[in-house]
Amino acid sequence: MLICHCAVVSDRAIRAAIVDGASDVAEVGQRCGAARACGGCVPGIESLLAEAAIAIREPASVGARQAARRHAYVCGDHERREAAAAVA
């Protein structure tokens, strides 16, 4: 789904920027180009940042569980994310 229409940036690209370390709207913009024009996408980016903050609060795990969670988050696949959480 497109979040930033001005720069044509999808939720997946924004999620990937967050996984790569972006922790606020400005950093997301630097990494993927979103939120640099009209600002209409800022609420959507803030929502994705908040969603990621909840996921980050979980204790870090190693191996398949961590990879499954990261993949589910980046892809926005809620069923896979729930399955990964059930494994933990």
C-alpha atoms as a PDB file:
ATOM      1  CA  MET A   1       0.000   0.000   0.000  1.00  0.00           C
ATOM      2  CA  LEU A   2       1.329   3.442  -0.848  1.00  0.00           C
ATOM      3  CA  ILE A   3       1.983   5.592   2.192  1.00  0.00           C
ATOM      4  CA  CYS A   4       3.794   8.503   0.516  1.00  0.00           C
ATOM      5  CA  HIS A   5       2.101   9.397  -2.753  1.00  0.00           C
ATOM      6  CA  CYS A   6       4.498  12.253  -3.546  1.00  0.00           C
ATOM      7  CA  ALA A   7       7.561   9.995  -3.601  1.00  0.00           C
ATOM      8  CA  VAL A   8       5.674   6.752  -4.356  1.00  0.00           C
ATOM      9  CA  VAL A   9       6.887   4.961  -1.207  1.00  0.00           C
ATOM     10  CA  SER A  10       5.084   1.866   0.021  1.00  0.00           C
ATOM     11  CA  ASP A  11       4.513   0.628   3.558  1.00  0.00           C
ATOM     12  CA  ARG A  12       6.983  -2.178   2.828  1.00  0.00           C
ATOM     13  CA  ALA A  13       9.739   0.304   1.981  1.00  0.00           C
ATOM     14  CA  ILE A  14       9.003   2.256   5.152  1.00  0.00           C
ATOM     15  CA  ARG A  15       8.983  -0.939   7.244  1.00  0.00           C
ATOM     16  CA  ALA A  16      12.333  -1.896   5.697  1.00  0.00           C
ATOM     17  CA  ALA A  17      13.761   1.529   6.611  1.00  0.00           C
ATOM     18  CA  ILE A  18      12.555   1.034  10.191  1.00  0.00           C
ATOM     19  CA  VAL A  19      14.070  -2.456  10.380  1.00  0.00           C
ATOM     20  CA  ASP A  20      17.323  -0.944   9.077  1.00  0.00           C
ATOM     21  CA  GLY A  21      17.371   1.505  11.983  1.00  0.00           C
ATOM     22  CA  ALA A  22      15.180   4.514  11.202  1.00  0.00           C
ATOM     23  CA  SER A  23      13.586   5.614  14.474  1.00  0.00           C
ATOM     24  CA  ASP A  24      11.684   8.763  13.492  1.00  0.00           C
ATOM     25  CA  VAL A  25       9.979  10.345  10.495  1.00  0.00           C
ATOM     26  CA  ALA A  26      13.091  12.294   9.453  1.00  0.00           C
ATOM     27  CA  GLU A  27      15.250   9.146   9.405  1.00  0.00           C
ATOM     28  CA  VAL A  28      12.604   7.276   7.424  1.00  0.00           C
ATOM     29  CA  GLY A  29      12.663  10.146   4.911  1.00  0.00           C
ATOM     30  CA  GLN A  30      16.432   9.991   4.627  1.00  0.00           C
ATOM     31  CA  ARG A  31      16.382   6.236   4.020  1.00  0.00           C
ATOM     32  CA  CYS A  32      13.497   5.905   1.580  1.00  0.00           C
ATOM     33  CA  GLY A  33      12.443   9.397   0.484  1.00  0.00           C
ATOM     34  CA  ALA A  34       9.044   9.508   2.187  1.00  0.00           C
ATOM     35  CA  ALA A  35       7.769  12.595   4.076  1.00  0.00           C
ATOM     36  CA  ARG A  36       9.887  15.069   2.141  1.00  0.00           C
ATOM     37  CA  ALA A  37       7.172  16.958   0.268  1.00  0.00           C
ATOM     38  CA  CYS A  38       3.613  17.646   1.447  1.00  0.00           C
ATOM     39  CA  GLY A  39       3.736  15.790   4.789  1.00  0.00           C
ATOM     40  CA  GLY A  40       0.456  13.980   4.203  1.00  0.00           C
ATOM     41  CA  CYS A  41       2.148  10.650   4.867  1.00  0.00           C
ATOM     42  CA  VAL A  42       3.561  11.621   8.282  1.00  0.00           C
ATOM     43  CA  PRO A  43       0.643  10.103  10.262  1.00  0.00           C
ATOM     44  CA  GLY A  44       1.028   6.812   8.370  1.00  0.00           C
ATOM     45  CA  ILE A  45       4.776   6.757   8.995  1.00  0.00           C
ATOM     46  CA  GLU A  46       4.241   7.543  12.674  1.00  0.00           C
ATOM     47  CA  SER A  47       1.783   4.657  12.872  1.00  0.00           C
ATOM     48  CA  LEU A  48       4.320   2.258  11.347  1.00  0.00           C
ATOM     49  CA  LEU A  49       7.007   3.544  13.739  1.00  0.00           C
ATOM     50  CA  ALA A  50       4.668   2.935  16.698  1.00  0.00           C
ATOM     51  CA  GLU A  51       3.877  -0.557  15.421  1.00  0.00           C
ATOM     52  CA  ALA A  52       7.601  -1.277  15.189  1.00  0.00           C
ATOM     53  CA  ALA A  53       8.223   0.065  18.701  1.00  0.00           C
ATOM     54  CA  ILE A  54       5.776  -2.491  20.071  1.00  0.00           C
ATOM     55  CA  ALA A  55       7.538  -5.281  18.175  1.00  0.00           C
ATOM     56  CA  ILE A  56      10.961  -4.106  19.359  1.00  0.00           C
ATOM     57  CA  ARG A  57       9.914  -4.291  23.019  1.00  0.00           C
ATOM     58  CA  GLU A  58       9.777  -8.072  22.768  1.00  0.00           C
ATOM     59  CA  PRO A  59      12.952  -9.750  24.020  1.00  0.00           C
ATOM     60  CA  ALA A  60      15.454 -10.310  21.238  1.00  0.00           C
ATOM     61  CA  SER A  61      15.610 -13.887  20.042  1.00  0.00           C
ATOM     62  CA  VAL A  62      18.087 -15.650  17.846  1.00  0.00           C
ATOM     63  CA  GLY A  63      17.615 -17.792  14.785  1.00  0.00           C
ATOM     64  CA  ALA A  64      14.428 -18.755  13.035  1.00  0.00           C
ATOM     65  CA  ARG A  65      12.034 -16.964  15.388  1.00  0.00           C
ATOM     66  CA  GLN A  66      13.772 -13.618  14.871  1.00  0.00           C
ATOM     67  CA  ALA A  67      13.965 -14.082  11.110  1.00  0.00           C
ATOM     68  CA  ALA A  68      10.280 -15.044  10.954  1.00  0.00           C
ATOM     69  CA  ARG A  69       9.262 -11.974  12.925  1.00  0.00           C
ATOM     70  CA  ARG A  70      11.387  -9.631  10.789  1.00  0.00           C
ATOM     71  CA  HIS A  71      10.038 -11.132   7.574  1.00  0.00           C
ATOM     72  CA  ALA A  72       6.447 -10.912   8.802  1.00  0.00           C
ATOM     73  CA  TYR A  73       6.904  -7.288   9.865  1.00  0.00           C
ATOM     74  CA  VAL A  74       8.567  -6.136   6.665  1.00  0.00           C
ATOM     75  CA  CYS A  75       6.008  -7.905   4.490  1.00  0.00           C
ATOM     76  CA  GLY A  76       3.085  -6.743   6.599  1.00  0.00           C
ATOM     77  CA  ASP A  77       1.869 -10.336   6.753  1.00  0.00           C
ATOM     78  CA  HIS A  78      -0.281 -10.393   9.898  1.00  0.00           C
ATOM     79  CA  GLU A  79      -0.981 -14.137   9.792  1.00  0.00           C
ATOM     80  CA  ARG A  80       2.711 -14.957   9.550  1.00  0.00           C
ATOM     81  CA  ARG A  81       3.462 -12.447  12.310  1.00  0.00           C
ATOM     82  CA  GLU A  82       0.899 -14.096  14.589  1.00  0.00           C
ATOM     83  CA  ALA A  83       2.317 -17.538  13.791  1.00  0.00           C
ATOM     84  CA  ALA A  84       5.833 -16.306  14.584  1.00  0.00           C
ATOM     85  CA  ALA A  85       4.621 -14.889  17.890  1.00  0.00           C
ATOM     86  CA  ALA A  86       2.965 -18.214  18.735  1.00  0.00           C
ATOM     87  CA  VAL A  87       6.289 -20.010  18.218  1.00  0.00           C
ATOM     88  CA  ALA A  88       7.997 -17.721  20.706  1.00  0.00           C
END
